[in-house]
């Protein structure tokens, strides 16, 4: 699946689903949250590393995007947005749950350990 930057309508939907008030800005002007979400969705859709995030006007710096991803993960914002988008996709029949894939390549189990 290829990802293109969020449209106005998609961005409005993400903002609504976030249901979150950002902290006040201090110091340097904050990167746009839309760019940060573009970066997160790019990584999720492409399954690539943060170092492979493209540079450009549509994306945030990889460290900035990763930092906000971690914060939103801790505050429940990420789960709220992704779960709501998943539910909506299923409801619209845009997601076929018969085509699921689980990737265990990042499993923390050591190679020398025997299965019980």
Protein backbone atom coordinates (compact mmCIF):
# COMPACT_ATOMS: atom_id res chain seq x y z
CA UNK A 1 0.00 0.00 0.00
CA UNK A 2 1.35 3.37 -0.94
CA UNK A 3 0.74 6.44 1.20
CA UNK A 4 0.13 9.94 -0.07
CA UNK A 5 -0.16 12.90 2.27
CA UNK A 6 -3.43 13.43 4.11
CA UNK A 7 -6.16 15.28 2.24
CA UNK A 8 -8.02 18.14 3.94
CA UNK A 9 -10.92 15.80 4.74
CA UNK A 10 -8.67 13.05 6.11
CA UNK A 11 -6.75 15.54 8.22
CA UNK A 12 -10.00 16.94 9.64
CA UNK A 13 -11.04 13.39 10.56
CA UNK A 14 -7.73 12.66 12.31
CA UNK A 15 -7.98 15.92 14.27
CA UNK A 16 -11.51 15.01 15.34
CA UNK A 17 -10.48 11.50 16.40
CA UNK A 18 -7.46 12.77 18.35
CA UNK A 19 -9.81 14.52 20.79
CA UNK A 20 -6.73 16.03 22.38
CA UNK A 21 -5.56 19.47 23.38
CA UNK A 22 -1.88 20.07 22.59
CA UNK A 23 0.37 21.61 25.21
CA UNK A 24 1.20 25.28 24.85
CA UNK A 25 4.07 26.07 22.51
CA UNK A 26 7.32 27.25 24.02
CA UNK A 27 10.38 28.53 22.24
CA UNK A 28 10.74 27.35 18.64
CA UNK A 29 7.61 27.15 16.51
CA UNK A 30 6.14 23.65 16.61
CA UNK A 31 6.08 21.38 13.55
CA UNK A 32 2.59 20.94 12.14
CA UNK A 33 0.73 17.93 13.58
CA UNK A 34 -0.47 17.17 10.07
CA UNK A 35 3.15 16.64 8.96
CA UNK A 36 3.72 14.43 11.98
CA UNK A 37 0.67 12.27 11.15
CA UNK A 38 1.79 12.11 7.51
CA UNK A 39 5.12 10.77 8.77
CA UNK A 40 3.51 8.21 11.09
CA UNK A 41 1.13 6.95 8.40
CA UNK A 42 3.98 6.74 5.89
CA UNK A 43 5.96 4.51 8.26
CA UNK A 44 2.91 2.35 9.01
CA UNK A 45 1.92 1.95 5.36
CA UNK A 46 5.40 1.24 4.06
CA UNK A 47 6.65 -0.78 7.03
CA UNK A 48 9.98 0.99 6.75
CA UNK A 49 12.47 2.34 9.27
CA UNK A 50 12.34 5.92 10.53
CA UNK A 51 15.59 6.56 8.72
CA UNK A 52 13.75 5.80 5.45
CA UNK A 53 11.17 8.55 6.01
CA UNK A 54 11.26 10.88 3.00
CA UNK A 55 12.25 14.49 3.47
CA UNK A 56 10.01 17.18 2.14
CA UNK A 57 7.29 19.68 2.85
CA UNK A 58 4.74 16.97 3.71
CA UNK A 59 6.71 15.20 6.43
CA UNK A 60 8.18 16.04 9.81
CA UNK A 61 11.75 15.33 10.83
CA UNK A 62 12.04 11.69 11.87
CA UNK A 63 13.04 12.50 15.46
CA UNK A 64 10.17 14.94 15.85
CA UNK A 65 7.63 12.47 14.44
CA UNK A 66 8.96 9.64 16.59
CA UNK A 67 8.89 11.79 19.74
CA UNK A 68 5.24 12.75 19.12
CA UNK A 69 4.36 9.13 18.26
CA UNK A 70 5.71 8.02 21.66
CA UNK A 71 3.87 10.81 23.47
CA UNK A 72 0.57 10.03 21.73
CA UNK A 73 1.10 6.35 22.44
CA UNK A 74 1.50 7.07 26.18
CA UNK A 75 -1.51 9.40 26.25
CA UNK A 76 -3.80 7.00 24.33
CA UNK A 77 -4.17 9.34 21.34
CA UNK A 78 -2.52 6.93 18.89
CA UNK A 79 -4.77 4.00 19.89
CA UNK A 80 -7.87 6.20 19.76
CA UNK A 81 -7.11 7.41 16.23
CA UNK A 82 -5.98 4.08 14.78
CA UNK A 83 -8.79 2.06 16.41
CA UNK A 84 -11.42 4.52 15.17
CA UNK A 85 -10.02 4.49 11.64
CA UNK A 86 -9.94 0.67 11.70
CA UNK A 87 -13.56 0.46 12.89
CA UNK A 88 -14.66 2.91 10.20
CA UNK A 89 -12.78 0.97 7.50
CA UNK A 90 -14.41 -2.29 8.59
CA UNK A 91 -17.86 -0.67 8.71
CA UNK A 92 -17.40 0.69 5.16
CA UNK A 93 -16.13 -2.74 4.04
CA UNK A 94 -12.84 -1.17 2.96
CA UNK A 95 -10.91 -3.57 5.20
CA UNK A 96 -11.21 -7.32 4.68
CA UNK A 97 -10.37 -9.08 7.95
CA UNK A 98 -9.86 -12.37 6.09
CA UNK A 99 -6.56 -10.96 4.80
CA UNK A 100 -4.59 -10.57 8.02
CA UNK A 101 -0.87 -11.06 8.42
CA UNK A 102 1.05 -11.35 11.65
CA UNK A 103 4.77 -10.72 11.46
CA UNK A 104 6.79 -12.34 14.22
CA UNK A 105 10.17 -11.27 12.90
CA UNK A 106 10.55 -8.80 15.76
CA UNK A 107 9.69 -11.31 18.48
CA UNK A 108 11.93 -10.95 21.55
CA UNK A 109 12.35 -14.73 21.91
CA UNK A 110 16.01 -15.70 21.76
CA UNK A 111 17.14 -18.22 19.15
CA UNK A 112 18.76 -20.52 21.70
CA UNK A 113 15.61 -20.98 23.77
CA UNK A 114 13.61 -24.19 23.40
CA UNK A 115 9.84 -24.09 23.00
CA UNK A 116 7.90 -25.43 26.00
